[in-house]
Amino acid sequence: YELASRDEFRATLADVEALGAEAIALPGDVTVEADVE
């Protein structure tokens, strides 16, 4: 199946920020240690 799109990722960040939260979006693959670090 298709994984989450870049647009969905950006939309979630916008929705979190719309609630007044300080937020940051950090792309990365949790199976790659360098990305996780």
PDB file of all heavy atoms in Angstrom:
ATOM      1  N   TYR A   1       0.845  -1.186   0.000  1.00  0.00           N
ATOM      2  CA  TYR A   1       0.000   0.000   0.000  1.00  0.00           C
ATOM      3  C   TYR A   1       0.886   1.244   0.000  1.00  0.00           C
ATOM      4  O   TYR A   1       2.083   1.184   0.317  1.00  0.00           O
ATOM      5  CB  TYR A   1      -0.915   0.007   1.232  1.00  0.00           C
ATOM      6  CG  TYR A   1      -0.186  -0.135   2.549  1.00  0.00           C
ATOM      7  CD1 TYR A   1       0.270   0.976   3.254  1.00  0.00           C
ATOM      8  CD2 TYR A   1       0.058  -1.389   3.104  1.00  0.00           C
ATOM      9  CE1 TYR A   1       0.945   0.847   4.442  1.00  0.00           C
ATOM     10  CE2 TYR A   1       0.731  -1.527   4.300  1.00  0.00           C
ATOM     11  CZ  TYR A   1       1.169  -0.408   4.972  1.00  0.00           C
ATOM     12  OH  TYR A   1       1.850  -0.548   6.150  1.00  0.00           O
ATOM     13  N   GLU A   2       0.293   2.359  -0.354  1.00  0.00           N
ATOM     14  CA  GLU A   2       1.040   3.607  -0.398  1.00  0.00           C
ATOM     15  C   GLU A   2       1.241   4.153   1.009  1.00  0.00           C
ATOM     16  O   GLU A   2       0.306   4.175   1.819  1.00  0.00           O
ATOM     17  CB  GLU A   2       0.298   4.641  -1.254  1.00  0.00           C
ATOM     18  CG  GLU A   2       0.278   4.312  -2.738  1.00  0.00           C
ATOM     19  CD  GLU A   2      -0.340   5.417  -3.552  1.00  0.00           C
ATOM     20  OE1 GLU A   2      -0.706   6.456  -2.960  1.00  0.00           O
ATOM     21  OE2 GLU A   2      -0.461   5.244  -4.777  1.00  0.00           O
ATOM     22  N   LEU A   3       2.454   4.581   1.277  1.00  0.00           N
ATOM     23  CA  LEU A   3       2.747   5.181   2.571  1.00  0.00           C
ATOM     24  C   LEU A   3       2.333   6.652   2.543  1.00  0.00           C
ATOM     25  O   LEU A   3       1.896   7.171   1.527  1.00  0.00           O
ATOM     26  CB  LEU A   3       4.223   5.027   2.884  1.00  0.00           C
ATOM     27  CG  LEU A   3       4.711   3.573   2.931  1.00  0.00           C
ATOM     28  CD1 LEU A   3       6.213   3.520   3.139  1.00  0.00           C
ATOM     29  CD2 LEU A   3       3.998   2.789   4.018  1.00  0.00           C
ATOM     30  N   ALA A   4       2.443   7.296   3.693  1.00  0.00           N
ATOM     31  CA  ALA A   4       2.017   8.686   3.790  1.00  0.00           C
ATOM     32  C   ALA A   4       2.768   9.556   2.786  1.00  0.00           C
ATOM     33  O   ALA A   4       3.974   9.378   2.560  1.00  0.00           O
ATOM     34  CB  ALA A   4       2.242   9.199   5.211  1.00  0.00           C
ATOM     35  N   SER A   5       2.076  10.489   2.202  1.00  0.00           N
ATOM     36  CA  SER A   5       2.668  11.367   1.200  1.00  0.00           C
ATOM     37  C   SER A   5       3.319  12.575   1.864  1.00  0.00           C
ATOM     38  O   SER A   5       3.062  12.894   3.031  1.00  0.00           O
ATOM     39  CB  SER A   5       1.594  11.848   0.224  1.00  0.00           C
ATOM     40  OG  SER A   5       0.683  12.706   0.880  1.00  0.00           O
ATOM     41  N   ARG A   6       4.127  13.265   1.085  1.00  0.00           N
ATOM     42  CA  ARG A   6       4.746  14.502   1.566  1.00  0.00           C
ATOM     43  C   ARG A   6       3.671  15.527   1.919  1.00  0.00           C
ATOM     44  O   ARG A   6       3.786  16.251   2.910  1.00  0.00           O
ATOM     45  CB  ARG A   6       5.698  15.045   0.494  1.00  0.00           C
ATOM     46  CG  ARG A   6       6.407  16.316   0.890  1.00  0.00           C
ATOM     47  CD  ARG A   6       7.491  16.676  -0.120  1.00  0.00           C
ATOM     48  NE  ARG A   6       8.600  15.744  -0.039  1.00  0.00           N
ATOM     49  CZ  ARG A   6       9.068  15.030  -1.070  1.00  0.00           C
ATOM     50  NH1 ARG A   6       8.497  15.136  -2.253  1.00  0.00           N
ATOM     51  NH2 ARG A   6      10.100  14.216  -0.909  1.00  0.00           N
ATOM     52  N   ASP A   7       2.606  15.586   1.132  1.00  0.00           N
ATOM     53  CA  ASP A   7       1.526  16.537   1.409  1.00  0.00           C
ATOM     54  C   ASP A   7       0.846  16.225   2.739  1.00  0.00           C
ATOM     55  O   ASP A   7       0.505  17.135   3.505  1.00  0.00           O
ATOM     56  CB  ASP A   7       0.493  16.513   0.274  1.00  0.00           C
ATOM     57  CG  ASP A   7       1.004  17.158  -0.998  1.00  0.00           C
ATOM     58  OD1 ASP A   7       2.017  17.893  -0.929  1.00  0.00           O
ATOM     59  OD2 ASP A   7       0.404  16.926  -2.059  1.00  0.00           O
ATOM     60  N   GLU A   8       0.632  14.935   3.035  1.00  0.00           N
ATOM     61  CA  GLU A   8       0.023  14.560   4.313  1.00  0.00           C
ATOM     62  C   GLU A   8       0.925  14.955   5.479  1.00  0.00           C
ATOM     63  O   GLU A   8       0.450  15.423   6.527  1.00  0.00           O
ATOM     64  CB  GLU A   8      -0.244  13.054   4.345  1.00  0.00           C
ATOM     65  CG  GLU A   8      -1.390  12.604   3.465  1.00  0.00           C
ATOM     66  CD  GLU A   8      -1.539  11.096   3.449  1.00  0.00           C
ATOM     67  OE1 GLU A   8      -0.582  10.406   3.023  1.00  0.00           O
ATOM     68  OE2 GLU A   8      -2.613  10.611   3.871  1.00  0.00           O
ATOM     69  N   PHE A   9       2.220  14.770   5.310  1.00  0.00           N
ATOM     70  CA  PHE A   9       3.193  15.127   6.338  1.00  0.00           C
ATOM     71  C   PHE A   9       3.124  16.623   6.631  1.00  0.00           C
ATOM     72  O   PHE A   9       3.029  17.056   7.791  1.00  0.00           O
ATOM     73  CB  PHE A   9       4.582  14.721   5.843  1.00  0.00           C
ATOM     74  CG  PHE A   9       5.659  14.694   6.897  1.00  0.00           C
ATOM     75  CD1 PHE A   9       5.376  14.691   8.249  1.00  0.00           C
ATOM     76  CD2 PHE A   9       6.993  14.648   6.502  1.00  0.00           C
ATOM     77  CE1 PHE A   9       6.386  14.660   9.202  1.00  0.00           C
ATOM     78  CE2 PHE A   9       8.016  14.609   7.447  1.00  0.00           C
ATOM     79  CZ  PHE A   9       7.705  14.625   8.789  1.00  0.00           C
ATOM     80  N   ARG A  10       3.130  17.428   5.575  1.00  0.00           N
ATOM     81  CA  ARG A  10       3.080  18.880   5.739  1.00  0.00           C
ATOM     82  C   ARG A  10       1.741  19.317   6.333  1.00  0.00           C
ATOM     83  O   ARG A  10       1.676  20.242   7.148  1.00  0.00           O
ATOM     84  CB  ARG A  10       3.291  19.563   4.387  1.00  0.00           C
ATOM     85  CG  ARG A  10       4.659  19.285   3.747  1.00  0.00           C
ATOM     86  CD  ARG A  10       5.793  19.903   4.575  1.00  0.00           C
ATOM     87  NE  ARG A  10       7.078  19.662   3.957  1.00  0.00           N
ATOM     88  CZ  ARG A  10       7.892  18.665   4.281  1.00  0.00           C
ATOM     89  NH1 ARG A  10       7.539  17.798   5.213  1.00  0.00           N
ATOM     90  NH2 ARG A  10       9.061  18.513   3.679  1.00  0.00           N
ATOM     91  N   ALA A  11       0.658  18.652   5.935  1.00  0.00           N
ATOM     92  CA  ALA A  11      -0.659  19.003   6.457  1.00  0.00           C
ATOM     93  C   ALA A  11      -0.758  18.733   7.946  1.00  0.00           C
ATOM     94  O   ALA A  11      -1.359  19.512   8.705  1.00  0.00           O
ATOM     95  CB  ALA A  11      -1.740  18.240   5.703  1.00  0.00           C
ATOM     96  N   THR A  12      -0.168  17.616   8.394  1.00  0.00           N
ATOM     97  CA  THR A  12      -0.187  17.314   9.828  1.00  0.00           C
ATOM     98  C   THR A  12       0.587  18.363  10.603  1.00  0.00           C
ATOM     99  O   THR A  12       0.145  18.814  11.671  1.00  0.00           O
ATOM    100  CB  THR A  12       0.392  15.916  10.089  1.00  0.00           C
ATOM    101  OG1 THR A  12      -0.457  14.947   9.477  1.00  0.00           O
ATOM    102  CG2 THR A  12       0.495  15.631  11.577  1.00  0.00           C
ATOM    103  N   LEU A  13       1.736  18.778  10.094  1.00  0.00           N
ATOM    104  CA  LEU A  13       2.498  19.836  10.754  1.00  0.00           C
ATOM    105  C   LEU A  13       1.659  21.105  10.871  1.00  0.00           C
ATOM    106  O   LEU A  13       1.601  21.731  11.937  1.00  0.00           O
ATOM    107  CB  LEU A  13       3.783  20.131   9.978  1.00  0.00           C
ATOM    108  CG  LEU A  13       4.613  21.305  10.517  1.00  0.00           C
ATOM    109  CD1 LEU A  13       5.125  21.016  11.928  1.00  0.00           C
ATOM    110  CD2 LEU A  13       5.779  21.616   9.570  1.00  0.00           C
ATOM    111  N   ALA A  14       0.982  21.466   9.785  1.00  0.00           N
ATOM    112  CA  ALA A  14       0.147  22.670   9.806  1.00  0.00           C
ATOM    113  C   ALA A  14      -0.985  22.540  10.822  1.00  0.00           C
ATOM    114  O   ALA A  14      -1.308  23.510  11.538  1.00  0.00           O
ATOM    115  CB  ALA A  14      -0.416  22.937   8.413  1.00  0.00           C
ATOM    116  N   ASP A  15      -1.578  21.361  10.918  1.00  0.00           N
ATOM    117  CA  ASP A  15      -2.672  21.145  11.873  1.00  0.00           C
ATOM    118  C   ASP A  15      -2.176  21.212  13.313  1.00  0.00           C
ATOM    119  O   ASP A  15      -2.883  21.727  14.196  1.00  0.00           O
ATOM    120  CB  ASP A  15      -3.339  19.798  11.617  1.00  0.00           C
ATOM    121  CG  ASP A  15      -4.145  19.774  10.324  1.00  0.00           C
ATOM    122  OD1 ASP A  15      -4.463  20.866   9.803  1.00  0.00           O
ATOM    123  OD2 ASP A  15      -4.438  18.667   9.840  1.00  0.00           O
ATOM    124  N   VAL A  16      -0.991  20.678  13.569  1.00  0.00           N
ATOM    125  CA  VAL A  16      -0.407  20.763  14.911  1.00  0.00           C
ATOM    126  C   VAL A  16      -0.133  22.220  15.273  1.00  0.00           C
ATOM    127  O   VAL A  16      -0.463  22.683  16.374  1.00  0.00           O
ATOM    128  CB  VAL A  16       0.883  19.919  14.989  1.00  0.00           C
ATOM    129  CG1 VAL A  16       1.650  20.217  16.281  1.00  0.00           C
ATOM    130  CG2 VAL A  16       0.554  18.430  14.902  1.00  0.00           C
ATOM    131  N   GLU A  17       0.447  22.960  14.347  1.00  0.00           N
ATOM    132  CA  GLU A  17       0.752  24.371  14.598  1.00  0.00           C
ATOM    133  C   GLU A  17      -0.519  25.190  14.768  1.00  0.00           C
ATOM    134  O   GLU A  17      -0.553  26.156  15.546  1.00  0.00           O
ATOM    135  CB  GLU A  17       1.602  24.920  13.458  1.00  0.00           C
ATOM    136  CG  GLU A  17       3.007  24.351  13.414  1.00  0.00           C
ATOM    137  CD  GLU A  17       3.814  24.846  12.237  1.00  0.00           C
ATOM    138  OE1 GLU A  17       3.227  25.110  11.159  1.00  0.00           O
ATOM    139  OE2 GLU A  17       5.046  24.987  12.378  1.00  0.00           O
ATOM    140  N   ALA A  18      -1.582  24.811  14.056  1.00  0.00           N
ATOM    141  CA  ALA A  18      -2.847  25.540  14.163  1.00  0.00           C
ATOM    142  C   ALA A  18      -3.448  25.444  15.558  1.00  0.00           C
ATOM    143  O   ALA A  18      -4.264  26.297  15.950  1.00  0.00           O
ATOM    144  CB  ALA A  18      -3.842  25.013  13.129  1.00  0.00           C
ATOM    145  N   LEU A  19      -3.050  24.437  16.306  1.00  0.00           N
ATOM    146  CA  LEU A  19      -3.512  24.286  17.687  1.00  0.00           C
ATOM    147  C   LEU A  19      -2.685  25.121  18.665  1.00  0.00           C
ATOM    148  O   LEU A  19      -2.903  25.066  19.881  1.00  0.00           O
ATOM    149  CB  LEU A  19      -3.462  22.810  18.100  1.00  0.00           C
ATOM    150  CG  LEU A  19      -4.466  21.903  17.379  1.00  0.00           C
ATOM    151  CD1 LEU A  19      -4.172  20.433  17.675  1.00  0.00           C
ATOM    152  CD2 LEU A  19      -5.890  22.245  17.791  1.00  0.00           C
ATOM    153  N   GLY A  20      -1.712  25.865  18.141  1.00  0.00           N
ATOM    154  CA  GLY A  20      -0.898  26.739  18.966  1.00  0.00           C
ATOM    155  C   GLY A  20       0.376  26.119  19.491  1.00  0.00           C
ATOM    156  O   GLY A  20       1.087  26.739  20.294  1.00  0.00           O
ATOM    157  N   ALA A  21       0.683  24.921  19.041  1.00  0.00           N
ATOM    158  CA  ALA A  21       1.872  24.236  19.535  1.00  0.00           C
ATOM    159  C   ALA A  21       3.119  24.641  18.748  1.00  0.00           C
ATOM    160  O   ALA A  21       3.047  24.851  17.534  1.00  0.00           O
ATOM    161  CB  ALA A  21       1.688  22.729  19.440  1.00  0.00           C
ATOM    162  N   GLU A  22       4.236  24.752  19.452  1.00  0.00           N
ATOM    163  CA  GLU A  22       5.517  24.810  18.757  1.00  0.00           C
ATOM    164  C   GLU A  22       5.760  23.438  18.152  1.00  0.00           C
ATOM    165  O   GLU A  22       5.610  22.422  18.829  1.00  0.00           O
ATOM    166  CB  GLU A  22       6.651  25.148  19.720  1.00  0.00           C
ATOM    167  CG  GLU A  22       6.635  26.555  20.263  1.00  0.00           C
ATOM    168  CD  GLU A  22       7.876  26.833  21.095  1.00  0.00           C
ATOM    169  OE1 GLU A  22       8.993  26.672  20.541  1.00  0.00           O
ATOM    170  OE2 GLU A  22       7.732  27.175  22.281  1.00  0.00           O
ATOM    171  N   ALA A  23       6.130  23.403  16.878  1.00  0.00           N
ATOM    172  CA  ALA A  23       6.226  22.109  16.204  1.00  0.00           C
ATOM    173  C   ALA A  23       7.320  22.124  15.152  1.00  0.00           C
ATOM    174  O   ALA A  23       7.707  23.180  14.641  1.00  0.00           O
ATOM    175  CB  ALA A  23       4.885  21.743  15.558  1.00  0.00           C
ATOM    176  N   ILE A  24       7.779  20.918  14.839  1.00  0.00           N
ATOM    177  CA  ILE A  24       8.787  20.744  13.801  1.00  0.00           C
ATOM    178  C   ILE A  24       8.529  19.414  13.108  1.00  0.00           C
ATOM    179  O   ILE A  24       8.143  18.431  13.753  1.00  0.00           O
ATOM    180  CB  ILE A  24      10.227  20.784  14.402  1.00  0.00           C
ATOM    181  CG1 ILE A  24      11.286  20.733  13.308  1.00  0.00           C
ATOM    182  CG2 ILE A  24      10.418  19.681  15.436  1.00  0.00           C
ATOM    183  CD1 ILE A  24      12.706  20.949  13.843  1.00  0.00           C
ATOM    184  N   ALA A  25       8.714  19.388  11.787  1.00  0.00           N
ATOM    185  CA  ALA A  25       8.578  18.154  11.007  1.00  0.00           C
ATOM    186  C   ALA A  25       9.965  17.665  10.632  1.00  0.00           C
ATOM    187  O   ALA A  25      10.768  18.421  10.061  1.00  0.00           O
ATOM    188  CB  ALA A  25       7.747  18.400   9.751  1.00  0.00           C
ATOM    189  N   LEU A  26      10.250  16.400  10.929  1.00  0.00           N
ATOM    190  CA  LEU A  26      11.584  15.849  10.743  1.00  0.00           C
ATOM    191  C   LEU A  26      11.505  14.570   9.909  1.00  0.00           C
ATOM    192  O   LEU A  26      11.235  13.491  10.445  1.00  0.00           O
ATOM    193  CB  LEU A  26      12.233  15.548  12.096  1.00  0.00           C
ATOM    194  CG  LEU A  26      12.421  16.761  13.012  1.00  0.00           C
ATOM    195  CD1 LEU A  26      12.835  16.314  14.403  1.00  0.00           C
ATOM    196  CD2 LEU A  26      13.451  17.719  12.427  1.00  0.00           C
ATOM    197  N   PRO A  27      11.739  14.667   8.598  1.00  0.00           N
ATOM    198  CA  PRO A  27      11.745  13.451   7.777  1.00  0.00           C
ATOM    199  C   PRO A  27      12.870  12.521   8.201  1.00  0.00           C
ATOM    200  O   PRO A  27      13.942  12.971   8.617  1.00  0.00           O
ATOM    201  CB  PRO A  27      11.981  13.994   6.358  1.00  0.00           C
ATOM    202  CG  PRO A  27      11.672  15.452   6.425  1.00  0.00           C
ATOM    203  CD  PRO A  27      12.004  15.881   7.813  1.00  0.00           C
ATOM    204  N   GLY A  28      12.615  11.228   8.099  1.00  0.00           N
ATOM    205  CA  GLY A  28      13.650  10.259   8.432  1.00  0.00           C
ATOM    206  C   GLY A  28      13.090   8.860   8.508  1.00  0.00           C
ATOM    207  O   GLY A  28      11.905   8.666   8.778  1.00  0.00           O
ATOM    208  N   ASP A  29      13.953   7.889   8.260  1.00  0.00           N
ATOM    209  CA  ASP A  29      13.592   6.474   8.251  1.00  0.00           C
ATOM    210  C   ASP A  29      14.001   5.858   9.577  1.00  0.00           C
ATOM    211  O   ASP A  29      15.198   5.811   9.907  1.00  0.00           O
ATOM    212  CB  ASP A  29      14.315   5.782   7.084  1.00  0.00           C
ATOM    213  CG  ASP A  29      13.896   4.331   6.893  1.00  0.00           C
ATOM    214  OD1 ASP A  29      13.329   3.734   7.833  1.00  0.00           O
ATOM    215  OD2 ASP A  29      14.150   3.791   5.802  1.00  0.00           O
ATOM    216  N   VAL A  30      13.039   5.371  10.352  1.00  0.00           N
ATOM    217  CA  VAL A  30      13.357   4.836  11.685  1.00  0.00           C
ATOM    218  C   VAL A  30      14.170   3.558  11.624  1.00  0.00           C
ATOM    219  O   VAL A  30      14.707   3.109  12.645  1.00  0.00           O
ATOM    220  CB  VAL A  30      12.080   4.597  12.518  1.00  0.00           C
ATOM    221  CG1 VAL A  30      11.347   5.893  12.764  1.00  0.00           C
ATOM    222  CG2 VAL A  30      11.175   3.553  11.876  1.00  0.00           C
ATOM    223  N   THR A  31      14.306   2.943  10.452  1.00  0.00           N
ATOM    224  CA  THR A  31      15.111   1.730  10.329  1.00  0.00           C
ATOM    225  C   THR A  31      16.571   2.034  10.030  1.00  0.00           C
ATOM    226  O   THR A  31      17.384   1.119   9.953  1.00  0.00           O
ATOM    227  CB  THR A  31      14.555   0.802   9.234  1.00  0.00           C
ATOM    228  OG1 THR A  31      14.827   1.362   7.937  1.00  0.00           O
ATOM    229  CG2 THR A  31      13.069   0.580   9.388  1.00  0.00           C
ATOM    230  N   VAL A  32      16.907   3.310   9.868  1.00  0.00           N
ATOM    231  CA  VAL A  32      18.275   3.728   9.548  1.00  0.00           C
ATOM    232  C   VAL A  32      18.833   4.512  10.738  1.00  0.00           C
ATOM    233  O   VAL A  32      18.338   5.596  11.064  1.00  0.00           O
ATOM    234  CB  VAL A  32      18.299   4.595   8.277  1.00  0.00           C
ATOM    235  CG1 VAL A  32      19.720   5.083   7.986  1.00  0.00           C
ATOM    236  CG2 VAL A  32      17.735   3.824   7.089  1.00  0.00           C
ATOM    237  N   GLU A  33      19.850   3.972  11.385  1.00  0.00           N
ATOM    238  CA  GLU A  33      20.312   4.583  12.627  1.00  0.00           C
ATOM    239  C   GLU A  33      20.792   6.010  12.432  1.00  0.00           C
ATOM    240  O   GLU A  33      20.559   6.870  13.294  1.00  0.00           O
ATOM    241  CB  GLU A  33      21.411   3.744  13.282  1.00  0.00           C
ATOM    242  CG  GLU A  33      21.829   4.303  14.630  1.00  0.00           C
ATOM    243  CD  GLU A  33      22.499   3.283  15.532  1.00  0.00           C
ATOM    244  OE1 GLU A  33      23.009   2.263  15.015  1.00  0.00           O
ATOM    245  OE2 GLU A  33      22.514   3.508  16.760  1.00  0.00           O
ATOM    246  N   ALA A  34      21.448   6.297  11.328  1.00  0.00           N
ATOM    247  CA  ALA A  34      21.908   7.665  11.094  1.00  0.00           C
ATOM    248  C   ALA A  34      20.741   8.642  11.038  1.00  0.00           C
ATOM    249  O   ALA A  34      20.825   9.772  11.543  1.00  0.00           O
ATOM    250  CB  ALA A  34      22.726   7.728   9.801  1.00  0.00           C
ATOM    251  N   ASP A  35      19.641   8.223  10.427  1.00  0.00           N
ATOM    252  CA  ASP A  35      18.442   9.070  10.380  1.00  0.00           C
ATOM    253  C   ASP A  35      17.885   9.288  11.783  1.00  0.00           C
ATOM    254  O   ASP A  35      17.510  10.408  12.157  1.00  0.00           O
ATOM    255  CB  ASP A  35      17.358   8.421   9.514  1.00  0.00           C
ATOM    256  CG  ASP A  35      17.543   8.668   8.030  1.00  0.00           C
ATOM    257  OD1 ASP A  35      18.653   9.087   7.632  1.00  0.00           O
ATOM    258  OD2 ASP A  35      16.586   8.442   7.263  1.00  0.00           O
ATOM    259  N   VAL A  36      17.802   8.217  12.558  1.00  0.00           N
ATOM    260  CA  VAL A  36      17.251   8.312  13.913  1.00  0.00           C
ATOM    261  C   VAL A  36      18.103   9.235  14.776  1.00  0.00           C
ATOM    262  O   VAL A  36      17.580  10.105  15.486  1.00  0.00           O
ATOM    263  CB  VAL A  36      17.145   6.920  14.553  1.00  0.00           C
ATOM    264  CG1 VAL A  36      16.763   7.030  16.029  1.00  0.00           C
ATOM    265  CG2 VAL A  36      16.130   6.062  13.808  1.00  0.00           C
ATOM    266  N   GLU A  37      19.409   9.052  14.717  1.00  0.00           N
ATOM    267  CA  GLU A  37      20.309   9.899  15.506  1.00  0.00           C
ATOM    268  C   GLU A  37      20.141  11.368  15.128  1.00  0.00           C
ATOM    269  O   GLU A  37      20.116  12.254  15.991  1.00  0.00           O
ATOM    270  CB  GLU A  37      21.752   9.445  15.309  1.00  0.00           C
ATOM    271  CG  GLU A  37      22.742  10.154  16.210  1.00  0.00           C
ATOM    272  CD  GLU A  37      24.129   9.552  16.139  1.00  0.00           C
ATOM    273  OE1 GLU A  37      24.406   8.773  15.194  1.00  0.00           O
ATOM    274  OE2 GLU A  37      24.947   9.848  17.034  1.00  0.00           O
TER     275      GLU A  37
END
